[in-house]
Amino acid sequence: MPASLSLKFTTPPRSPLPRHLLGAAARLFETPDSDHHADTKPFAAGLLRPSAGSAGPGKPGDSPAMTVWRLGWLGHGDLPPTWPPRTVRFGPCEQSVMGFDADLWPFARLASVGPARRVRLRMLTPTFFSRNGRDLPLPEPVLIVRSLLARWNAHAPDTLTIDDSAARELVGSVFLDAVSGASEQVPVTEQIRQVGFVGEAELRLLKTASAAAAEVFGALMRFAAIAGVGAQTTHGFGAVDIRNRQIGK
């Protein structure tokens, strides 16, 4: 079942590249029988962030700086048997896990969070979309909704999938009402950088959108905080938070 997950460990000596994040997450969530080349994987991985109240590098003898890694699990059934891990490896750097958290969100719970007509999304890590062979580093509302629809229907039970009619109405009703933020680059290799959008985007539905569309919108926006939005969410991109307090209470 979907879940918001986090791991806490001492800050690695070097920042992991996106491929290191994917490798570490795959070791947590995939098994030898998994489809390692699947277009839609049952997990998402954010970038590493300093733990709240954690100091940066200090003098010898100071407490080590701590890092939190946020992940999302989208698969069926219980959490993977490897959760929680004792260690996590980013390339050559292996870190001992000092703490963990899991907030379970079954699809039935997501589907019942209630309607929403206005949602503010906060893009925590650079977000972009792959479109016709090019990258679009903007919070485009239709692409946001379509990416969430694809992930929801790839992992939800048949009884809770969103049908084509409901999806078309939602895609035709959503628009971008406000945006603030900037582009940010993430090193992919020593020579290549990936550009994405970091900031806030307020999405709204047209007044003509039905109550059913608002229900689907509310569910997908809460799902976004677990699944991420856009391209390469398994590599640290597209991690988001929702700013609307009423969703998911």
C-alpha atoms as a PDB file:
ATOM      1  CA  MET A   1       0.000   0.000   0.000  1.00  0.00           C
ATOM      2  CA  PRO A   2       1.253   3.560  -0.553  1.00  0.00           C
ATOM      3  CA  ALA A   3       3.288   5.069   2.267  1.00  0.00           C
ATOM      4  CA  SER A   4       5.357   8.147   2.997  1.00  0.00           C
ATOM      5  CA  LEU A   5       8.697   6.898   4.309  1.00  0.00           C
ATOM      6  CA  SER A   6      11.816   8.533   5.675  1.00  0.00           C
ATOM      7  CA  LEU A   7      15.258   7.454   6.828  1.00  0.00           C
ATOM      8  CA  LYS A   8      17.657   9.355   9.059  1.00  0.00           C
ATOM      9  CA  PHE A   9      21.429   8.849   9.028  1.00  0.00           C
ATOM     10  CA  THR A  10      24.677  10.744   9.312  1.00  0.00           C
ATOM     11  CA  THR A  11      25.322  13.001   6.361  1.00  0.00           C
ATOM     12  CA  PRO A  12      27.333  11.224   3.645  1.00  0.00           C
ATOM     13  CA  PRO A  13      30.784  12.658   2.922  1.00  0.00           C
ATOM     14  CA  ARG A  14      29.683  13.563  -0.604  1.00  0.00           C
ATOM     15  CA  SER A  15      26.304  14.384  -2.126  1.00  0.00           C
ATOM     16  CA  PRO A  16      24.841  11.387  -3.965  1.00  0.00           C
ATOM     17  CA  LEU A  17      24.196  11.741  -7.681  1.00  0.00           C
ATOM     18  CA  PRO A  18      20.719  10.875  -8.992  1.00  0.00           C
ATOM     19  CA  ARG A  19      21.900   7.432 -10.112  1.00  0.00           C
ATOM     20  CA  HIS A  20      23.104   6.746  -6.562  1.00  0.00           C
ATOM     21  CA  LEU A  21      19.647   7.639  -5.214  1.00  0.00           C
ATOM     22  CA  LEU A  22      18.041   5.259  -7.689  1.00  0.00           C
ATOM     23  CA  GLY A  23      20.464   2.482  -6.787  1.00  0.00           C
ATOM     24  CA  ALA A  24      19.909   2.922  -3.053  1.00  0.00           C
ATOM     25  CA  ALA A  25      16.112   3.003  -3.448  1.00  0.00           C
ATOM     26  CA  ALA A  26      16.131  -0.019  -5.763  1.00  0.00           C
ATOM     27  CA  ARG A  27      18.053  -2.023  -3.154  1.00  0.00           C
ATOM     28  CA  LEU A  28      15.357  -1.112  -0.632  1.00  0.00           C
ATOM     29  CA  PHE A  29      12.300  -1.788  -2.758  1.00  0.00           C
ATOM     30  CA  GLU A  30      13.130  -4.190  -5.581  1.00  0.00           C
ATOM     31  CA  THR A  31      13.622  -7.940  -5.524  1.00  0.00           C
ATOM     32  CA  PRO A  32      15.362 -10.231  -8.029  1.00  0.00           C
ATOM     33  CA  ASP A  33      11.929 -10.824  -9.595  1.00  0.00           C
ATOM     34  CA  SER A  34      11.171  -7.110 -10.068  1.00  0.00           C
ATOM     35  CA  ASP A  35      10.993  -5.570 -13.530  1.00  0.00           C
ATOM     36  CA  HIS A  36      14.094  -3.397 -13.295  1.00  0.00           C
ATOM     37  CA  HIS A  37      13.304  -1.718 -16.629  1.00  0.00           C
ATOM     38  CA  ALA A  38       9.642  -0.915 -15.955  1.00  0.00           C
ATOM     39  CA  ASP A  39       8.499   2.537 -17.081  1.00  0.00           C
ATOM     40  CA  THR A  40       6.606   3.057 -13.817  1.00  0.00           C
ATOM     41  CA  LYS A  41       8.328   1.815 -10.669  1.00  0.00           C
ATOM     42  CA  PRO A  42       6.539   1.320  -7.325  1.00  0.00           C
ATOM     43  CA  PHE A  43       8.656   3.860  -5.442  1.00  0.00           C
ATOM     44  CA  ALA A  44       9.824   7.473  -5.444  1.00  0.00           C
ATOM     45  CA  ALA A  45      12.971   8.983  -3.944  1.00  0.00           C
ATOM     46  CA  GLY A  46      13.624  12.558  -2.901  1.00  0.00           C
ATOM     47  CA  LEU A  47      16.946  14.302  -2.493  1.00  0.00           C
ATOM     48  CA  LEU A  48      18.750  14.194   0.847  1.00  0.00           C
ATOM     49  CA  ARG A  49      17.953  17.113   3.147  1.00  0.00           C
ATOM     50  CA  PRO A  50      19.518  18.223   6.464  1.00  0.00           C
ATOM     51  CA  SER A  51      17.614  16.952   9.484  1.00  0.00           C
ATOM     52  CA  ALA A  52      15.720  19.643  11.408  1.00  0.00           C
ATOM     53  CA  GLY A  53      17.981  21.028  14.114  1.00  0.00           C
ATOM     54  CA  SER A  54      21.035  19.284  12.706  1.00  0.00           C
ATOM     55  CA  ALA A  55      24.172  21.372  12.629  1.00  0.00           C
ATOM     56  CA  GLY A  56      26.488  21.406   9.662  1.00  0.00           C
ATOM     57  CA  PRO A  57      30.098  20.210   9.735  1.00  0.00           C
ATOM     58  CA  GLY A  58      31.729  21.465  12.901  1.00  0.00           C
ATOM     59  CA  LYS A  59      34.778  20.962  15.057  1.00  0.00           C
ATOM     60  CA  PRO A  60      36.178  17.520  15.876  1.00  0.00           C
ATOM     61  CA  GLY A  61      34.102  16.004  18.660  1.00  0.00           C
ATOM     62  CA  ASP A  62      30.887  17.783  17.662  1.00  0.00           C
ATOM     63  CA  SER A  63      27.801  15.680  17.039  1.00  0.00           C
ATOM     64  CA  PRO A  64      27.707  14.541  13.391  1.00  0.00           C
ATOM     65  CA  ALA A  65      25.398  16.302  10.989  1.00  0.00           C
ATOM     66  CA  MET A  66      22.267  14.272  10.253  1.00  0.00           C
ATOM     67  CA  THR A  67      20.357  13.873   7.005  1.00  0.00           C
ATOM     68  CA  VAL A  68      16.794  12.804   6.244  1.00  0.00           C
ATOM     69  CA  TRP A  69      15.906  10.968   3.055  1.00  0.00           C
ATOM     70  CA  ARG A  70      12.240  10.999   2.095  1.00  0.00           C
ATOM     71  CA  LEU A  71      10.843   8.172  -0.024  1.00  0.00           C
ATOM     72  CA  GLY A  72       7.484   7.017  -1.298  1.00  0.00           C
ATOM     73  CA  TRP A  73       6.247   3.433  -1.609  1.00  0.00           C
ATOM     74  CA  LEU A  74       3.447   2.796  -4.113  1.00  0.00           C
ATOM     75  CA  GLY A  75       3.351  -0.996  -4.264  1.00  0.00           C
ATOM     76  CA  HIS A  76       0.638  -3.468  -3.351  1.00  0.00           C
ATOM     77  CA  GLY A  77       0.353  -5.091   0.052  1.00  0.00           C
ATOM     78  CA  ASP A  78       2.591  -4.402   2.998  1.00  0.00           C
ATOM     79  CA  LEU A  79       5.850  -2.506   3.029  1.00  0.00           C
ATOM     80  CA  PRO A  80       8.805  -4.351   1.464  1.00  0.00           C
ATOM     81  CA  PRO A  81      10.435  -6.957   3.729  1.00  0.00           C
ATOM     82  CA  THR A  82      13.667  -4.934   3.644  1.00  0.00           C
ATOM     83  CA  TRP A  83      11.959  -2.054   5.496  1.00  0.00           C
ATOM     84  CA  PRO A  84      13.364  -0.606   7.660  1.00  0.00           C
ATOM     85  CA  PRO A  85      16.936  -1.136   6.477  1.00  0.00           C
ATOM     86  CA  ARG A  86      19.916  -1.196   8.812  1.00  0.00           C
ATOM     87  CA  THR A  87      22.128   0.589   6.295  1.00  0.00           C
ATOM     88  CA  VAL A  88      21.723   2.494   3.047  1.00  0.00           C
ATOM     89  CA  ARG A  89      24.380   2.760   0.343  1.00  0.00           C
ATOM     90  CA  PHE A  90      24.869   5.665  -2.064  1.00  0.00           C
ATOM     91  CA  GLY A  91      27.502   4.569  -4.526  1.00  0.00           C
ATOM     92  CA  PRO A  92      30.644   3.906  -2.434  1.00  0.00           C
ATOM     93  CA  CYS A  93      29.193   5.511   0.725  1.00  0.00           C
ATOM     94  CA  GLU A  94      27.323   3.282   3.176  1.00  0.00           C
ATOM     95  CA  GLN A  95      25.439   4.953   6.029  1.00  0.00           C
ATOM     96  CA  SER A  96      23.999   3.322   9.152  1.00  0.00           C
ATOM     97  CA  VAL A  97      20.316   4.143   9.588  1.00  0.00           C
ATOM     98  CA  MET A  98      19.709   6.000  12.867  1.00  0.00           C
ATOM     99  CA  GLY A  99      15.949   6.471  12.588  1.00  0.00           C
ATOM    100  CA  PHE A 100      12.981   5.858  10.312  1.00  0.00           C
ATOM    101  CA  ASP A 101       9.307   6.687   9.892  1.00  0.00           C
ATOM    102  CA  ALA A 102       6.409   5.259   7.898  1.00  0.00           C
ATOM    103  CA  ASP A 103       2.994   6.845   7.304  1.00  0.00           C
ATOM    104  CA  LEU A 104       0.695   4.357   5.560  1.00  0.00           C
ATOM    105  CA  TRP A 105      -1.812   5.626   3.000  1.00  0.00           C
ATOM    106  CA  PRO A 106      -3.808   2.776   1.416  1.00  0.00           C
ATOM    107  CA  PHE A 107      -5.499   3.715  -1.848  1.00  0.00           C
ATOM    108  CA  ALA A 108      -8.894   3.492  -0.150  1.00  0.00           C
ATOM    109  CA  ARG A 109      -7.765   6.127   2.351  1.00  0.00           C
ATOM    110  CA  LEU A 110      -6.369   8.329  -0.434  1.00  0.00           C
ATOM    111  CA  ALA A 111      -9.608   8.017  -2.383  1.00  0.00           C
ATOM    112  CA  SER A 112     -11.612   9.233   0.615  1.00  0.00           C
ATOM    113  CA  VAL A 113      -9.616  12.348   1.590  1.00  0.00           C
ATOM    114  CA  GLY A 114     -12.393  14.557   0.244  1.00  0.00           C
ATOM    115  CA  PRO A 115     -12.823  17.088  -2.555  1.00  0.00           C
ATOM    116  CA  ALA A 116     -10.430  19.908  -3.391  1.00  0.00           C
ATOM    117  CA  ARG A 117     -10.754  22.757  -5.862  1.00  0.00           C
ATOM    118  CA  ARG A 118      -7.619  24.679  -4.990  1.00  0.00           C
ATOM    119  CA  VAL A 119      -4.291  23.124  -3.978  1.00  0.00           C
ATOM    120  CA  ARG A 120      -0.887  24.674  -3.466  1.00  0.00           C
ATOM    121  CA  LEU A 121       1.952  22.312  -4.301  1.00  0.00           C
ATOM    122  CA  ARG A 122       5.444  22.968  -3.015  1.00  0.00           C
ATOM    123  CA  MET A 123       8.134  21.468  -5.255  1.00  0.00           C
ATOM    124  CA  LEU A 124      10.830  20.416  -2.800  1.00  0.00           C
ATOM    125  CA  THR A 125      13.254  19.056  -5.384  1.00  0.00           C
ATOM    126  CA  PRO A 126      13.740  20.113  -9.002  1.00  0.00           C
ATOM    127  CA  THR A 127      10.720  19.079 -11.045  1.00  0.00           C
ATOM    128  CA  PHE A 128      10.573  18.645 -14.796  1.00  0.00           C
ATOM    129  CA  PHE A 129       8.608  16.786 -17.462  1.00  0.00           C
ATOM    130  CA  SER A 130       9.860  14.912 -20.497  1.00  0.00           C
ATOM    131  CA  ARG A 131       7.831  15.974 -23.508  1.00  0.00           C
ATOM    132  CA  ASN A 132       8.510  15.015 -27.124  1.00  0.00           C
ATOM    133  CA  GLY A 133      12.161  14.369 -26.382  1.00  0.00           C
ATOM    134  CA  ARG A 134      12.661  17.657 -24.533  1.00  0.00           C
ATOM    135  CA  ASP A 135      12.606  18.589 -20.869  1.00  0.00           C
ATOM    136  CA  LEU A 136      10.089  21.127 -19.574  1.00  0.00           C
ATOM    137  CA  PRO A 137      11.192  22.518 -16.159  1.00  0.00           C
ATOM    138  CA  LEU A 138       7.854  24.181 -15.377  1.00  0.00           C
ATOM    139  CA  PRO A 139       4.866  23.289 -13.121  1.00  0.00           C
ATOM    140  CA  GLU A 140       2.499  22.684 -16.049  1.00  0.00           C
ATOM    141  CA  PRO A 141      -0.856  21.705 -14.477  1.00  0.00           C
ATOM    142  CA  VAL A 142      -2.042  19.265 -17.141  1.00  0.00           C
ATOM    143  CA  LEU A 143       1.296  17.432 -17.101  1.00  0.00           C
ATOM    144  CA  ILE A 144       1.211  17.315 -13.291  1.00  0.00           C
ATOM    145  CA  VAL A 145      -2.247  15.733 -13.302  1.00  0.00           C
ATOM    146  CA  ARG A 146      -1.440  13.319 -16.118  1.00  0.00           C
ATOM    147  CA  SER A 147       1.709  12.095 -14.377  1.00  0.00           C
ATOM    148  CA  LEU A 148      -0.277  11.426 -11.204  1.00  0.00           C
ATOM    149  CA  LEU A 149      -3.094   9.693 -13.096  1.00  0.00           C
ATOM    150  CA  ALA A 150      -0.562   7.367 -14.745  1.00  0.00           C
ATOM    151  CA  ARG A 151       1.063   6.440 -11.428  1.00  0.00           C
ATOM    152  CA  TRP A 152      -2.245   6.013  -9.634  1.00  0.00           C
ATOM    153  CA  ASN A 153      -3.693   3.706 -12.258  1.00  0.00           C
ATOM    154  CA  ALA A 154      -0.454   1.729 -12.526  1.00  0.00           C
ATOM    155  CA  HIS A 155      -0.568   0.758  -8.843  1.00  0.00           C
ATOM    156  CA  ALA A 156      -4.132   1.143  -7.515  1.00  0.00           C
ATOM    157  CA  PRO A 157      -6.428  -1.902  -7.245  1.00  0.00           C
ATOM    158  CA  ASP A 158      -8.880  -2.293 -10.111  1.00  0.00           C
ATOM    159  CA  THR A 159     -11.783  -1.125  -7.962  1.00  0.00           C
ATOM    160  CA  LEU A 160     -10.094   2.252  -7.351  1.00  0.00           C
ATOM    161  CA  THR A 161      -8.597   3.071 -10.752  1.00  0.00           C
ATOM    162  CA  ILE A 162      -9.662   6.362 -12.337  1.00  0.00           C
ATOM    163  CA  ASP A 163     -11.569   5.798 -15.574  1.00  0.00           C
ATOM    164  CA  ASP A 164     -10.972   7.647 -18.832  1.00  0.00           C
ATOM    165  CA  SER A 165     -14.069   9.820 -18.490  1.00  0.00           C
ATOM    166  CA  ALA A 166     -13.104  11.087 -15.026  1.00  0.00           C
ATOM    167  CA  ALA A 167      -9.512  11.609 -16.143  1.00  0.00           C
ATOM    168  CA  ARG A 168     -10.585  13.659 -19.185  1.00  0.00           C
ATOM    169  CA  GLU A 169     -12.820  15.905 -17.091  1.00  0.00           C
ATOM    170  CA  LEU A 170     -10.070  16.571 -14.571  1.00  0.00           C
ATOM    171  CA  VAL A 171      -7.433  17.272 -17.230  1.00  0.00           C
ATOM    172  CA  GLY A 172      -9.846  19.652 -18.938  1.00  0.00           C
ATOM    173  CA  SER A 173     -10.680  21.481 -15.699  1.00  0.00           C
ATOM    174  CA  VAL A 174      -7.308  22.077 -14.005  1.00  0.00           C
ATOM    175  CA  PHE A 175      -5.348  25.300 -14.468  1.00  0.00           C
ATOM    176  CA  LEU A 176      -2.411  27.143 -12.922  1.00  0.00           C
ATOM    177  CA  ASP A 177      -3.617  30.037 -10.767  1.00  0.00           C
ATOM    178  CA  ALA A 178      -0.330  31.213  -9.216  1.00  0.00           C
ATOM    179  CA  VAL A 179       3.340  30.289  -9.256  1.00  0.00           C
ATOM    180  CA  SER A 180       6.502  31.403  -7.454  1.00  0.00           C
ATOM    181  CA  GLY A 181       9.930  29.884  -7.636  1.00  0.00           C
ATOM    182  CA  ALA A 182      12.959  29.450  -9.848  1.00  0.00           C
ATOM    183  CA  SER A 183      14.925  26.925 -11.829  1.00  0.00           C
ATOM    184  CA  GLU A 184      17.565  24.839 -10.095  1.00  0.00           C
ATOM    185  CA  GLN A 185      20.297  22.615 -11.483  1.00  0.00           C
ATOM    186  CA  VAL A 186      21.213  19.168 -10.156  1.00  0.00           C
ATOM    187  CA  PRO A 187      24.468  17.456 -11.190  1.00  0.00           C
ATOM    188  CA  VAL A 188      23.750  14.224 -13.060  1.00  0.00           C
ATOM    189  CA  THR A 189      27.400  13.572 -13.920  1.00  0.00           C
ATOM    190  CA  GLU A 190      30.507  15.710 -13.568  1.00  0.00           C
ATOM    191  CA  GLN A 191      29.636  17.349 -16.896  1.00  0.00           C
ATOM    192  CA  ILE A 192      25.822  17.172 -17.112  1.00  0.00           C
ATOM    193  CA  ARG A 193      23.246  19.140 -15.121  1.00  0.00           C
ATOM    194  CA  GLN A 194      19.488  18.572 -15.009  1.00  0.00           C
ATOM    195  CA  VAL A 195      17.315  21.684 -14.692  1.00  0.00           C
ATOM    196  CA  GLY A 196      14.058  21.601 -12.762  1.00  0.00           C
ATOM    197  CA  PHE A 197      11.572  23.931 -11.096  1.00  0.00           C
ATOM    198  CA  VAL A 198      11.656  24.497  -7.329  1.00  0.00           C
ATOM    199  CA  GLY A 199       8.988  26.600  -5.651  1.00  0.00           C
ATOM    200  CA  GLU A 200       5.219  26.704  -5.261  1.00  0.00           C
ATOM    201  CA  ALA A 201       2.389  26.297  -7.743  1.00  0.00           C
ATOM    202  CA  GLU A 202      -1.292  26.799  -6.997  1.00  0.00           C
ATOM    203  CA  LEU A 203      -3.584  24.592  -9.039  1.00  0.00           C
ATOM    204  CA  ARG A 204      -7.323  25.190  -9.308  1.00  0.00           C
ATOM    205  CA  LEU A 205     -10.336  23.668 -10.964  1.00  0.00           C
ATOM    206  CA  LEU A 206     -12.776  25.539 -13.166  1.00  0.00           C
ATOM    207  CA  LYS A 207     -16.075  26.414 -11.506  1.00  0.00           C
ATOM    208  CA  THR A 208     -17.799  24.105 -13.973  1.00  0.00           C
ATOM    209  CA  ALA A 209     -15.846  21.056 -12.729  1.00  0.00           C
ATOM    210  CA  SER A 210     -18.126  18.476 -11.149  1.00  0.00           C
ATOM    211  CA  ALA A 211     -18.066  17.341  -7.541  1.00  0.00           C
ATOM    212  CA  ALA A 212     -16.693  14.006  -8.761  1.00  0.00           C
ATOM    213  CA  ALA A 213     -13.753  15.785 -10.440  1.00  0.00           C
ATOM    214  CA  ALA A 214     -13.025  17.625  -7.188  1.00  0.00           C
ATOM    215  CA  GLU A 215     -12.951  14.289  -5.342  1.00  0.00           C
ATOM    216  CA  VAL A 216     -10.437  12.858  -7.819  1.00  0.00           C
ATOM    217  CA  PHE A 217      -8.379  16.050  -7.654  1.00  0.00           C
ATOM    218  CA  GLY A 218      -8.188  15.882  -3.857  1.00  0.00           C
ATOM    219  CA  ALA A 219      -7.103  12.236  -3.942  1.00  0.00           C
ATOM    220  CA  LEU A 220      -4.420  12.815  -6.575  1.00  0.00           C
ATOM    221  CA  MET A 221      -2.985  15.849  -4.816  1.00  0.00           C
ATOM    222  CA  ARG A 222      -2.582  13.886  -1.579  1.00  0.00           C
ATOM    223  CA  PHE A 223      -1.064  11.048  -3.604  1.00  0.00           C
ATOM    224  CA  ALA A 224       1.441  13.525  -5.081  1.00  0.00           C
ATOM    225  CA  ALA A 225       3.149  13.892  -1.704  1.00  0.00           C
ATOM    226  CA  ILE A 226       3.950  10.167  -1.842  1.00  0.00           C
ATOM    227  CA  ALA A 227       4.488   9.513  -5.544  1.00  0.00           C
ATOM    228  CA  GLY A 228       6.090  12.781  -6.662  1.00  0.00           C
ATOM    229  CA  VAL A 229       5.334  14.463  -9.983  1.00  0.00           C
ATOM    230  CA  GLY A 230       7.077  14.668 -13.314  1.00  0.00           C
ATOM    231  CA  ALA A 231      10.050  12.746 -14.648  1.00  0.00           C
ATOM    232  CA  GLN A 232      12.664  10.678 -12.805  1.00  0.00           C
ATOM    233  CA  THR A 233      10.946  10.672  -9.429  1.00  0.00           C
ATOM    234  CA  THR A 234      13.019   7.565  -8.629  1.00  0.00           C
ATOM    235  CA  HIS A 235      16.194   9.663  -9.019  1.00  0.00           C
ATOM    236  CA  GLY A 236      15.406  12.449  -6.535  1.00  0.00           C
ATOM    237  CA  PHE A 237      13.381  14.735  -8.799  1.00  0.00           C
ATOM    238  CA  GLY A 238       9.777  15.889  -8.408  1.00  0.00           C
ATOM    239  CA  ALA A 239       9.312  15.504  -4.642  1.00  0.00           C
ATOM    240  CA  VAL A 240       6.412  17.687  -3.479  1.00  0.00           C
ATOM    241  CA  ASP A 241       4.414  18.684  -0.419  1.00  0.00           C
ATOM    242  CA  ILE A 242       0.813  19.863  -0.325  1.00  0.00           C
ATOM    243  CA  ARG A 243       0.123  23.133   1.449  1.00  0.00           C
ATOM    244  CA  ASN A 244      -3.643  22.728   1.916  1.00  0.00           C
ATOM    245  CA  ARG A 245      -4.287  21.734   5.511  1.00  0.00           C
ATOM    246  CA  GLN A 246      -7.736  20.339   4.827  1.00  0.00           C
ATOM    247  CA  ILE A 247      -6.567  17.593   2.448  1.00  0.00           C
ATOM    248  CA  GLY A 248      -6.022  14.232   4.073  1.00  0.00           C
ATOM    249  CA  LYS A 249      -7.289  15.095   7.539  1.00  0.00           C
END
